Structure formats: structure tokens, C-alpha cells
């Protein structure tokens, strides 16, 4: 897209977000510890249609923050094609993770965290809020999900800006 292109409809933005969740392999993960010290790292992920699954060492700052804080903000890397996802986190050890989630993660990334000597944990991030926009022109309708519910179903007519 260029800065002169018309804004996408909310429906198109949702479809674009879902496409990126399927296609992308890396996502920025932002967490904070109990004192509010931020931590930002890029991790591999897999989308299961309802949540994102991440894996990292449970003993590193991100793993501890995900487990203890139970909240995260996720973002794709391009600053001109922004997707922000705020979600609640559920933690699983390699022994506790549902097999389907771990196998999907391994199939997408080519790496199975359960197979290494060092213990890795899995984290299920269920989106509570999603925002997506290209440039300033799309800021007024950037909110696509609130409280875990899509504001515009796929295939629906555009939602008036006053309703977003």
C-alpha cells in the first residue's frame, strides 16, 4: 500500500490480520515484570485459529513475565503495516502442552522445543484486543477486537467509524 491508497475496510483489515497470523513466523512479544520493567523480544509463533502459541525458556525474563504477568502485547515488525494484539497468557511446560499445539509449532517453525535438553515452556496467548492500520489514514478504524470479540465479522459490511 502507498500513503495515497484509500483506507481498507474493517473487514479487509481483519482478513489481513488473519492472513498474517497464518503466514508470519516471527512476532514481537512485549512483557513486563512485577516492577514494571519491560522486556521486548521476537519469538516464533503458531496461530491455531483462536490463540497464538509461543515457546521460550521458562527461566528467562520473557518466560517469567509471561508466566507471572499473564498478559502480553504482540506486534508484527513492519511499522507501516501495524498489527497490535493484547492478550491473556496461559503457561504450559513441555510435558503439559497439548500435543496438537506443540506439533503445529514444530511443523511451522521446523523446531520442536520439547526435543532439546534445555527445558522450554509453551505459552498460549488468547487475543483480547486487536488493532491494525496502515499509516495515519487508517487510525480511526484501527480497533478490530475488544474484550476477545471481533468488532467486525469476516464478510460483513463495513462498520461506521463512530462504532469502532
Foldseek 3Di string as FASTA:
>chain_A
DDPPDAWDFLLVLVVVVVVCLQPPFKKWKWFADPVRHIDIDIFGWHDPPFWIKTKDACPDPVNVRCDVVQWIWIWDDDPQKTKIFIWGKDKAWLVGDPPVRQVRNCVVPVDRQNPDPGTMMMMITGTAWMFTGGPPNCVLPGTQHHRNDGPDDNPDDGDPSVSD
